[in-house]
Protein backbone atom coordinates (compact mmCIF):
# COMPACT_ATOMS: atom_id res chain seq x y z
CA UNK A 1 0.00 0.00 0.00
CA UNK A 2 1.41 3.38 -1.00
CA UNK A 3 1.90 6.08 1.58
CA UNK A 4 -0.73 8.81 1.50
CA UNK A 5 0.59 12.37 1.23
CA UNK A 6 -0.55 14.86 3.88
CA UNK A 7 -2.34 17.03 1.31
CA UNK A 8 -4.02 14.15 -0.52
CA UNK A 9 -7.70 13.33 0.13
CA UNK A 10 -8.09 10.88 3.01
CA UNK A 11 -8.88 7.34 1.88
CA UNK A 12 -11.73 6.99 4.41
CA UNK A 13 -14.02 8.95 2.06
CA UNK A 14 -14.62 11.92 4.37
CA UNK A 15 -13.61 14.42 1.69
CA UNK A 16 -11.02 16.02 3.99
CA UNK A 17 -7.29 16.18 3.43
CA UNK A 18 -5.40 13.35 5.11
CA UNK A 19 -3.65 15.77 7.51
CA UNK A 20 -7.06 17.08 8.73
CA UNK A 21 -8.64 13.63 9.04
CA UNK A 22 -6.77 10.43 9.87
CA UNK A 23 -3.33 12.09 9.64
CA UNK A 24 -4.27 14.16 12.66
CA UNK A 25 -4.26 11.01 14.78
CA UNK A 26 -1.30 8.75 14.00
CA UNK A 27 -2.94 5.51 15.22
CA UNK A 28 -6.29 6.09 13.48
CA UNK A 29 -7.13 3.86 10.54
CA UNK A 30 -9.84 3.99 7.88
CA UNK A 31 -13.08 2.14 8.61
CA UNK A 32 -12.73 -1.63 8.39
CA UNK A 33 -16.36 -2.41 9.23
CA UNK A 34 -19.08 -1.40 6.76
CA UNK A 35 -21.62 -0.95 9.58
CA UNK A 36 -19.42 1.61 11.37
CA UNK A 37 -18.80 3.44 8.12
CA UNK A 38 -22.56 3.59 7.39
CA UNK A 39 -23.27 4.90 10.90
CA UNK A 40 -20.53 7.52 10.55
CA UNK A 41 -21.82 8.72 7.18
CA UNK A 42 -25.39 8.85 8.51
CA UNK A 43 -24.25 10.94 11.50
CA UNK A 44 -22.33 13.27 9.17
CA UNK A 45 -25.41 13.73 6.94
CA UNK A 46 -27.53 14.50 10.02
CA UNK A 47 -25.02 17.07 11.30
CA UNK A 48 -24.83 18.69 7.86
CA UNK A 49 -28.64 18.89 7.63
CA UNK A 50 -28.83 20.47 11.11
CA UNK A 51 -26.12 22.99 10.17
CA UNK A 52 -27.91 23.88 6.92
CA UNK A 53 -31.22 24.31 8.77
CA UNK A 54 -29.59 26.54 11.41
CA UNK A 55 -27.93 28.67 8.72
CA UNK A 56 -31.24 28.98 6.89
CA UNK A 57 -33.01 30.16 10.06
CA UNK A 58 -30.25 32.22 11.70
CA UNK A 59 -27.91 33.21 8.87
CA UNK A 60 -24.19 32.54 8.57
CA UNK A 61 -23.11 34.28 11.79
CA UNK A 62 -22.56 32.72 15.17
CA UNK A 63 -25.35 30.50 16.41
CA UNK A 64 -27.80 31.59 19.08
CA UNK A 65 -27.05 30.12 22.49
CA UNK A 66 -30.07 29.57 24.72
CA UNK A 67 -30.53 27.90 28.10
CA UNK A 68 -33.25 27.72 30.74
CA UNK A 69 -32.27 28.96 34.20
CA UNK A 70 -34.77 28.48 37.05
CA UNK A 71 -37.97 29.99 35.62
CA UNK A 72 -36.16 32.28 33.15
CA UNK A 73 -34.46 31.88 29.80
CA UNK A 74 -31.00 33.22 29.01
CA UNK A 75 -30.19 33.87 25.35
CA UNK A 76 -26.84 35.00 23.96
CA UNK A 77 -26.79 36.61 20.52
CA UNK A 78 -23.39 37.89 19.41
CA UNK A 79 -21.98 39.91 22.32
CA UNK A 80 -25.40 40.53 23.92
CA UNK A 81 -27.03 38.42 26.63
CA UNK A 82 -30.81 38.57 27.12
CA UNK A 83 -32.59 37.40 30.28
CA UNK A 84 -36.37 37.04 30.33
CA UNK A 85 -39.14 35.19 32.10
CA UNK A 86 -40.90 34.57 28.75
PDB file of N, CA and C in Angstrom:
ATOM      1  N   UNK A   1       0.841  -1.179   0.000  1.00  0.00           N
ATOM      2  CA  UNK A   1       0.000   0.000   0.000  1.00  0.00           C
ATOM      3  C   UNK A   1       0.888   1.245   0.000  1.00  0.00           C
ATOM      4  N   UNK A   2       0.618   2.160  -0.892  1.00  0.00           N
ATOM      5  CA  UNK A   2       1.414   3.379  -1.003  1.00  0.00           C
ATOM      6  C   UNK A   2       1.087   4.343   0.129  1.00  0.00           C
ATOM      7  N   UNK A   3       2.085   5.097   0.527  1.00  0.00           N
ATOM      8  CA  UNK A   3       1.897   6.077   1.582  1.00  0.00           C
ATOM      9  C   UNK A   3       1.057   7.238   1.052  1.00  0.00           C
ATOM     10  N   UNK A   4       0.130   7.704   1.873  1.00  0.00           N
ATOM     11  CA  UNK A   4      -0.732   8.814   1.496  1.00  0.00           C
ATOM     12  C   UNK A   4      -0.038  10.118   1.866  1.00  0.00           C
ATOM     13  N   UNK A   5       0.012  11.062   0.944  1.00  0.00           N
ATOM     14  CA  UNK A   5       0.585  12.373   1.233  1.00  0.00           C
ATOM     15  C   UNK A   5      -0.333  13.174   2.146  1.00  0.00           C
ATOM     16  N   UNK A   6       0.231  14.080   2.920  1.00  0.00           N
ATOM     17  CA  UNK A   6      -0.549  14.858   3.875  1.00  0.00           C
ATOM     18  C   UNK A   6      -1.631  15.698   3.204  1.00  0.00           C
ATOM     19  N   UNK A   7      -1.378  16.166   1.990  1.00  0.00           N
ATOM     20  CA  UNK A   7      -2.335  17.031   1.306  1.00  0.00           C
ATOM     21  C   UNK A   7      -3.250  16.287   0.343  1.00  0.00           C
ATOM     22  N   UNK A   8      -3.145  14.969   0.314  1.00  0.00           N
ATOM     23  CA  UNK A   8      -4.021  14.151  -0.520  1.00  0.00           C
ATOM     24  C   UNK A   8      -5.344  13.931   0.209  1.00  0.00           C
ATOM     25  N   UNK A   9      -6.426  13.658  -0.531  1.00  0.00           N
ATOM     26  CA  UNK A   9      -7.698  13.330   0.131  1.00  0.00           C
ATOM     27  C   UNK A   9      -7.538  12.061   0.967  1.00  0.00           C
ATOM     28  N   UNK A  10      -8.165  12.048   2.128  1.00  0.00           N
ATOM     29  CA  UNK A  10      -8.091  10.876   3.010  1.00  0.00           C
ATOM     30  C   UNK A  10      -8.808   9.698   2.349  1.00  0.00           C
ATOM     31  N   UNK A  11      -8.287   8.514   2.525  1.00  0.00           N
ATOM     32  CA  UNK A  11      -8.879   7.342   1.877  1.00  0.00           C
ATOM     33  C   UNK A  11     -10.097   6.792   2.620  1.00  0.00           C
ATOM     34  N   UNK A  12     -10.527   7.449   3.702  1.00  0.00           N
ATOM     35  CA  UNK A  12     -11.734   6.987   4.409  1.00  0.00           C
ATOM     36  C   UNK A  12     -12.999   7.494   3.736  1.00  0.00           C
ATOM     37  N   UNK A  13     -12.854   8.442   2.786  1.00  0.00           N
ATOM     38  CA  UNK A  13     -14.015   8.947   2.060  1.00  0.00           C
ATOM     39  C   UNK A  13     -14.677  10.155   2.701  1.00  0.00           C
ATOM     40  N   UNK A  14     -14.024  10.772   3.690  1.00  0.00           N
ATOM     41  CA  UNK A  14     -14.617  11.923   4.372  1.00  0.00           C
ATOM     42  C   UNK A  14     -14.604  13.180   3.520  1.00  0.00           C
ATOM     43  N   UNK A  15     -13.733  13.239   2.521  1.00  0.00           N
ATOM     44  CA  UNK A  15     -13.608  14.422   1.688  1.00  0.00           C
ATOM     45  C   UNK A  15     -12.595  15.422   2.230  1.00  0.00           C
ATOM     46  N   UNK A  16     -12.026  15.143   3.393  1.00  0.00           N
ATOM     47  CA  UNK A  16     -11.021  16.018   3.994  1.00  0.00           C
ATOM     48  C   UNK A  16      -9.631  15.610   3.531  1.00  0.00           C
ATOM     49  N   UNK A  17      -8.681  16.543   3.673  1.00  0.00           N
ATOM     50  CA  UNK A  17      -7.293  16.183   3.429  1.00  0.00           C
ATOM     51  C   UNK A  17      -6.855  15.205   4.511  1.00  0.00           C
ATOM     52  N   UNK A  18      -5.884  14.365   4.170  1.00  0.00           N
ATOM     53  CA  UNK A  18      -5.397  13.354   5.115  1.00  0.00           C
ATOM     54  C   UNK A  18      -4.905  13.987   6.410  1.00  0.00           C
ATOM     55  N   UNK A  19      -4.208  15.139   6.309  1.00  0.00           N
ATOM     56  CA  UNK A  19      -3.654  15.771   7.506  1.00  0.00           C
ATOM     57  C   UNK A  19      -4.744  16.301   8.432  1.00  0.00           C
ATOM     58  N   UNK A  20      -5.949  16.577   7.911  1.00  0.00           N
ATOM     59  CA  UNK A  20      -7.057  17.077   8.728  1.00  0.00           C
ATOM     60  C   UNK A  20      -7.959  15.947   9.213  1.00  0.00           C
ATOM     61  N   UNK A  21      -7.770  14.755   8.693  1.00  0.00           N
ATOM     62  CA  UNK A  21      -8.638  13.626   9.036  1.00  0.00           C
ATOM     63  C   UNK A  21      -7.844  12.591   9.820  1.00  0.00           C
ATOM     64  N   UNK A  22      -7.471  11.503   9.188  1.00  0.00           N
ATOM     65  CA  UNK A  22      -6.766  10.433   9.873  1.00  0.00           C
ATOM     66  C   UNK A  22      -5.298  10.745  10.124  1.00  0.00           C
ATOM     67  N   UNK A  23      -4.710  11.691   9.410  1.00  0.00           N
ATOM     68  CA  UNK A  23      -3.329  12.089   9.644  1.00  0.00           C
ATOM     69  C   UNK A  23      -3.174  12.872  10.937  1.00  0.00           C
ATOM     70  N   UNK A  24      -4.276  13.403  11.411  1.00  0.00           N
ATOM     71  CA  UNK A  24      -4.274  14.161  12.660  1.00  0.00           C
ATOM     72  C   UNK A  24      -3.994  13.239  13.847  1.00  0.00           C
ATOM     73  N   UNK A  25      -4.436  12.005  13.732  1.00  0.00           N
ATOM     74  CA  UNK A  25      -4.262  11.009  14.785  1.00  0.00           C
ATOM     75  C   UNK A  25      -3.442   9.860  14.221  1.00  0.00           C
ATOM     76  N   UNK A  26      -2.198   9.725  14.630  1.00  0.00           N
ATOM     77  CA  UNK A  26      -1.300   8.749  14.001  1.00  0.00           C
ATOM     78  C   UNK A  26      -1.780   7.300  14.063  1.00  0.00           C
ATOM     79  N   UNK A  27      -2.514   6.911  15.081  1.00  0.00           N
ATOM     80  CA  UNK A  27      -2.943   5.511  15.221  1.00  0.00           C
ATOM     81  C   UNK A  27      -4.305   5.247  14.602  1.00  0.00           C
ATOM     82  N   UNK A  28      -4.967   6.272  14.065  1.00  0.00           N
ATOM     83  CA  UNK A  28      -6.290   6.087  13.477  1.00  0.00           C
ATOM     84  C   UNK A  28      -6.159   5.397  12.121  1.00  0.00           C
ATOM     85  N   UNK A  29      -7.126   4.577  11.817  1.00  0.00           N
ATOM     86  CA  UNK A  29      -7.128   3.863  10.539  1.00  0.00           C
ATOM     87  C   UNK A  29      -8.482   4.053   9.872  1.00  0.00           C
ATOM     88  N   UNK A  30      -8.552   3.912   8.555  1.00  0.00           N
ATOM     89  CA  UNK A  30      -9.843   3.990   7.875  1.00  0.00           C
ATOM     90  C   UNK A  30     -10.790   2.908   8.385  1.00  0.00           C
ATOM     91  N   UNK A  31     -12.076   3.098   8.145  1.00  0.00           N
ATOM     92  CA  UNK A  31     -13.077   2.138   8.607  1.00  0.00           C
ATOM     93  C   UNK A  31     -12.815   0.764   8.017  1.00  0.00           C
ATOM     94  N   UNK A  32     -12.873  -0.243   8.846  1.00  0.00           N
ATOM     95  CA  UNK A  32     -12.730  -1.628   8.391  1.00  0.00           C
ATOM     96  C   UNK A  32     -14.092  -2.315   8.331  1.00  0.00           C
ATOM     97  N   UNK A  33     -15.039  -1.807   9.113  1.00  0.00           N
ATOM     98  CA  UNK A  33     -16.355  -2.412   9.230  1.00  0.00           C
ATOM     99  C   UNK A  33     -17.370  -1.550   8.468  1.00  0.00           C
ATOM    100  N   UNK A  34     -18.119  -2.145   7.568  1.00  0.00           N
ATOM    101  CA  UNK A  34     -19.081  -1.399   6.756  1.00  0.00           C
ATOM    102  C   UNK A  34     -20.183  -0.794   7.623  1.00  0.00           C
ATOM    103  N   UNK A  35     -20.564  -1.459   8.701  1.00  0.00           N
ATOM    104  CA  UNK A  35     -21.617  -0.946   9.584  1.00  0.00           C
ATOM    105  C   UNK A  35     -21.174   0.346  10.268  1.00  0.00           C
ATOM    106  N   UNK A  36     -19.930   0.398  10.740  1.00  0.00           N
ATOM    107  CA  UNK A  36     -19.423   1.612  11.367  1.00  0.00           C
ATOM    108  C   UNK A  36     -19.325   2.753  10.356  1.00  0.00           C
ATOM    109  N   UNK A  37     -18.911   2.421   9.161  1.00  0.00           N
ATOM    110  CA  UNK A  37     -18.801   3.442   8.116  1.00  0.00           C
ATOM    111  C   UNK A  37     -20.175   4.008   7.780  1.00  0.00           C
ATOM    112  N   UNK A  38     -21.193   3.136   7.664  1.00  0.00           N
ATOM    113  CA  UNK A  38     -22.558   3.595   7.389  1.00  0.00           C
ATOM    114  C   UNK A  38     -23.065   4.498   8.506  1.00  0.00           C
ATOM    115  N   UNK A  39     -22.825   4.098   9.763  1.00  0.00           N
ATOM    116  CA  UNK A  39     -23.269   4.900  10.904  1.00  0.00           C
ATOM    117  C   UNK A  39     -22.575   6.257  10.912  1.00  0.00           C
ATOM    118  N   UNK A  40     -21.284   6.272  10.604  1.00  0.00           N
ATOM    119  CA  UNK A  40     -20.531   7.523  10.552  1.00  0.00           C
ATOM    120  C   UNK A  40     -21.088   8.446   9.465  1.00  0.00           C
ATOM    121  N   UNK A  41     -21.304   7.903   8.281  1.00  0.00           N
ATOM    122  CA  UNK A  41     -21.817   8.717   7.178  1.00  0.00           C
ATOM    123  C   UNK A  41     -23.226   9.238   7.472  1.00  0.00           C
ATOM    124  N   UNK A  42     -24.048   8.417   8.130  1.00  0.00           N
ATOM    125  CA  UNK A  42     -25.393   8.855   8.506  1.00  0.00           C
ATOM    126  C   UNK A  42     -25.318   9.995   9.527  1.00  0.00           C
ATOM    127  N   UNK A  43     -24.427   9.878  10.507  1.00  0.00           N
ATOM    128  CA  UNK A  43     -24.253  10.938  11.497  1.00  0.00           C
ATOM    129  C   UNK A  43     -23.752  12.218  10.842  1.00  0.00           C
ATOM    130  N   UNK A  44     -22.843  12.092   9.881  1.00  0.00           N
ATOM    131  CA  UNK A  44     -22.333  13.268   9.171  1.00  0.00           C
ATOM    132  C   UNK A  44     -23.441  13.945   8.362  1.00  0.00           C
ATOM    133  N   UNK A  45     -24.295  13.153   7.704  1.00  0.00           N
ATOM    134  CA  UNK A  45     -25.413  13.730   6.945  1.00  0.00           C
ATOM    135  C   UNK A  45     -26.377  14.455   7.878  1.00  0.00           C
ATOM    136  N   UNK A  46     -26.634  13.874   9.049  1.00  0.00           N
ATOM    137  CA  UNK A  46     -27.535  14.497  10.020  1.00  0.00           C
ATOM    138  C   UNK A  46     -26.955  15.821  10.510  1.00  0.00           C
ATOM    139  N   UNK A  47     -25.667  15.841  10.840  1.00  0.00           N
ATOM    140  CA  UNK A  47     -25.024  17.070  11.298  1.00  0.00           C
ATOM    141  C   UNK A  47     -25.053  18.140  10.207  1.00  0.00           C
ATOM    142  N   UNK A  48     -24.816  17.746   8.973  1.00  0.00           N
ATOM    143  CA  UNK A  48     -24.829  18.694   7.863  1.00  0.00           C
ATOM    144  C   UNK A  48     -26.231  19.256   7.658  1.00  0.00           C
ATOM    145  N   UNK A  49     -27.258  18.421   7.773  1.00  0.00           N
ATOM    146  CA  UNK A  49     -28.639  18.887   7.630  1.00  0.00           C
ATOM    147  C   UNK A  49     -29.000  19.863   8.746  1.00  0.00           C
ATOM    148  N   UNK A  50     -28.572  19.565   9.988  1.00  0.00           N
ATOM    149  CA  UNK A  50     -28.834  20.468  11.107  1.00  0.00           C
ATOM    150  C   UNK A  50     -28.118  21.803  10.915  1.00  0.00           C
ATOM    151  N   UNK A  51     -26.878  21.759  10.428  1.00  0.00           N
ATOM    152  CA  UNK A  51     -26.122  22.985  10.173  1.00  0.00           C
ATOM    153  C   UNK A  51     -26.807  23.816   9.096  1.00  0.00           C
ATOM    154  N   UNK A  52     -27.237  23.164   8.012  1.00  0.00           N
ATOM    155  CA  UNK A  52     -27.905  23.881   6.922  1.00  0.00           C
ATOM    156  C   UNK A  52     -29.215  24.505   7.407  1.00  0.00           C
ATOM    157  N   UNK A  53     -29.966  23.786   8.233  1.00  0.00           N
ATOM    158  CA  UNK A  53     -31.222  24.309   8.767  1.00  0.00           C
ATOM    159  C   UNK A  53     -30.964  25.514   9.668  1.00  0.00           C
ATOM    160  N   UNK A  54     -29.926  25.433  10.517  1.00  0.00           N
ATOM    161  CA  UNK A  54     -29.591  26.543  11.407  1.00  0.00           C
ATOM    162  C   UNK A  54     -29.174  27.765  10.596  1.00  0.00           C
ATOM    163  N   UNK A  55     -28.355  27.559   9.565  1.00  0.00           N
ATOM    164  CA  UNK A  55     -27.931  28.672   8.720  1.00  0.00           C
ATOM    165  C   UNK A  55     -29.114  29.295   7.995  1.00  0.00           C
ATOM    166  N   UNK A  56     -30.065  28.472   7.580  1.00  0.00           N
ATOM    167  CA  UNK A  56     -31.241  28.985   6.886  1.00  0.00           C
ATOM    168  C   UNK A  56     -32.072  29.854   7.832  1.00  0.00           C
ATOM    169  N   UNK A  57     -32.198  29.429   9.089  1.00  0.00           N
ATOM    170  CA  UNK A  57     -33.006  30.159  10.058  1.00  0.00           C
ATOM    171  C   UNK A  57     -32.274  31.362  10.652  1.00  0.00           C
ATOM    172  N   UNK A  58     -30.967  31.214  10.943  1.00  0.00           N
ATOM    173  CA  UNK A  58     -30.245  32.223  11.699  1.00  0.00           C
ATOM    174  C   UNK A  58     -29.189  32.967  10.888  1.00  0.00           C
ATOM    175  N   UNK A  59     -28.939  32.566   9.673  1.00  0.00           N
ATOM    176  CA  UNK A  59     -27.905  33.208   8.869  1.00  0.00           C
ATOM    177  C   UNK A  59     -26.556  32.541   9.088  1.00  0.00           C
ATOM    178  N   UNK A  60     -25.510  33.141   8.530  1.00  0.00           N
ATOM    179  CA  UNK A  60     -24.186  32.535   8.566  1.00  0.00           C
ATOM    180  C   UNK A  60     -23.358  32.944   9.778  1.00  0.00           C
ATOM    181  N   UNK A  61     -23.858  33.828  10.608  1.00  0.00           N
ATOM    182  CA  UNK A  61     -23.108  34.275  11.785  1.00  0.00           C
ATOM    183  C   UNK A  61     -23.051  33.210  12.860  1.00  0.00           C
ATOM    184  N   UNK A  62     -22.618  33.640  14.037  1.00  0.00           N
ATOM    185  CA  UNK A  62     -22.562  32.722  15.171  1.00  0.00           C
ATOM    186  C   UNK A  62     -23.962  32.254  15.520  1.00  0.00           C
ATOM    187  N   UNK A  63     -24.069  31.048  16.018  1.00  0.00           N
ATOM    188  CA  UNK A  63     -25.351  30.500  16.411  1.00  0.00           C
ATOM    189  C   UNK A  63     -25.881  31.162  17.673  1.00  0.00           C
ATOM    190  N   UNK A  64     -27.176  31.054  17.892  1.00  0.00           N
ATOM    191  CA  UNK A  64     -27.801  31.594  19.085  1.00  0.00           C
ATOM    192  C   UNK A  64     -27.663  30.559  20.192  1.00  0.00           C
ATOM    193  N   UNK A  65     -27.202  31.002  21.345  1.00  0.00           N
ATOM    194  CA  UNK A  65     -27.047  30.120  22.494  1.00  0.00           C
ATOM    195  C   UNK A  65     -28.187  30.413  23.451  1.00  0.00           C
ATOM    196  N   UNK A  66     -28.914  29.389  23.861  1.00  0.00           N
ATOM    197  CA  UNK A  66     -30.074  29.571  24.716  1.00  0.00           C
ATOM    198  C   UNK A  66     -30.087  28.483  25.787  1.00  0.00           C
ATOM    199  N   UNK A  67     -30.462  28.881  27.011  1.00  0.00           N
ATOM    200  CA  UNK A  67     -30.535  27.897  28.096  1.00  0.00           C
ATOM    201  C   UNK A  67     -31.564  28.335  29.128  1.00  0.00           C
ATOM    202  N   UNK A  68     -32.334  27.376  29.655  1.00  0.00           N
ATOM    203  CA  UNK A  68     -33.253  27.720  30.744  1.00  0.00           C
ATOM    204  C   UNK A  68     -32.473  27.853  32.050  1.00  0.00           C
ATOM    205  N   UNK A  69     -32.904  28.771  32.901  1.00  0.00           N
ATOM    206  CA  UNK A  69     -32.273  28.957  34.205  1.00  0.00           C
ATOM    207  C   UNK A  69     -33.378  29.285  35.191  1.00  0.00           C
ATOM    208  N   UNK A  70     -33.635  28.377  36.121  1.00  0.00           N
ATOM    209  CA  UNK A  70     -34.767  28.484  37.052  1.00  0.00           C
ATOM    210  C   UNK A  70     -36.033  28.677  36.235  1.00  0.00           C
ATOM    211  N   UNK A  71     -36.755  29.766  36.408  1.00  0.00           N
ATOM    212  CA  UNK A  71     -37.970  29.991  35.623  1.00  0.00           C
ATOM    213  C   UNK A  71     -37.759  31.069  34.555  1.00  0.00           C
ATOM    214  N   UNK A  72     -36.519  31.298  34.162  1.00  0.00           N
ATOM    215  CA  UNK A  72     -36.165  32.281  33.146  1.00  0.00           C
ATOM    216  C   UNK A  72     -35.419  31.606  32.000  1.00  0.00           C
ATOM    217  N   UNK A  73     -35.249  32.356  30.922  1.00  0.00           N
ATOM    218  CA  UNK A  73     -34.460  31.880  29.797  1.00  0.00           C
ATOM    219  C   UNK A  73     -33.358  32.895  29.538  1.00  0.00           C
ATOM    220  N   UNK A  74     -32.144  32.388  29.345  1.00  0.00           N
ATOM    221  CA  UNK A  74     -30.997  33.219  29.012  1.00  0.00           C
ATOM    222  C   UNK A  74     -30.642  32.940  27.552  1.00  0.00           C
ATOM    223  N   UNK A  75     -30.514  34.005  26.775  1.00  0.00           N
ATOM    224  CA  UNK A  75     -30.192  33.872  25.349  1.00  0.00           C
ATOM    225  C   UNK A  75     -29.016  34.784  25.034  1.00  0.00           C
ATOM    226  N   UNK A  76     -27.998  34.226  24.383  1.00  0.00           N
ATOM    227  CA  UNK A  76     -26.835  35.003  23.964  1.00  0.00           C
ATOM    228  C   UNK A  76     -26.844  35.106  22.449  1.00  0.00           C
ATOM    229  N   UNK A  77     -26.830  36.347  21.955  1.00  0.00           N
ATOM    230  CA  UNK A  77     -26.791  36.607  20.520  1.00  0.00           C
ATOM    231  C   UNK A  77     -25.632  37.557  20.281  1.00  0.00           C
ATOM    232  N   UNK A  78     -24.585  37.071  19.611  1.00  0.00           N
ATOM    233  CA  UNK A  78     -23.394  37.893  19.414  1.00  0.00           C
ATOM    234  C   UNK A  78     -22.755  38.202  20.754  1.00  0.00           C
ATOM    235  N   UNK A  79     -22.578  39.486  21.058  1.00  0.00           N
ATOM    236  CA  UNK A  79     -21.985  39.908  22.323  1.00  0.00           C
ATOM    237  C   UNK A  79     -23.031  40.342  23.336  1.00  0.00           C
ATOM    238  N   UNK A  80     -24.314  40.099  23.061  1.00  0.00           N
ATOM    239  CA  UNK A  80     -25.400  40.531  23.925  1.00  0.00           C
ATOM    240  C   UNK A  80     -26.066  39.340  24.589  1.00  0.00           C
ATOM    241  N   UNK A  81     -26.351  39.481  25.880  1.00  0.00           N
ATOM    242  CA  UNK A  81     -27.029  38.423  26.633  1.00  0.00           C
ATOM    243  C   UNK A  81     -28.395  38.952  27.052  1.00  0.00           C
ATOM    244  N   UNK A  82     -29.451  38.191  26.746  1.00  0.00           N
ATOM    245  CA  UNK A  82     -30.810  38.565  27.116  1.00  0.00           C
ATOM    246  C   UNK A  82     -31.296  37.616  28.199  1.00  0.00           C
ATOM    247  N   UNK A  83     -32.094  38.154  29.141  1.00  0.00           N
ATOM    248  CA  UNK A  83     -32.591  37.401  30.281  1.00  0.00           C
ATOM    249  C   UNK A  83     -34.072  37.737  30.419  1.00  0.00           C
ATOM    250  N   UNK A  84     -34.941  36.746  30.303  1.00  0.00           N
ATOM    251  CA  UNK A  84     -36.367  37.035  30.332  1.00  0.00           C
ATOM    252  C   UNK A  84     -37.137  35.885  30.955  1.00  0.00           C
ATOM    253  N   UNK A  85     -38.279  36.211  31.543  1.00  0.00           N
ATOM    254  CA  UNK A  85     -39.145  35.188  32.096  1.00  0.00           C
ATOM    255  C   UNK A  85     -39.930  34.482  30.991  1.00  0.00           C
ATOM    256  N   UNK A  86     -40.137  35.161  29.854  1.00  0.00           N
ATOM    257  CA  UNK A  86     -40.895  34.574  28.751  1.00  0.00           C
ATOM    258  C   UNK A  86     -39.979  33.753  27.884  1.00  0.00           C
TER     259      UNK A  86
END
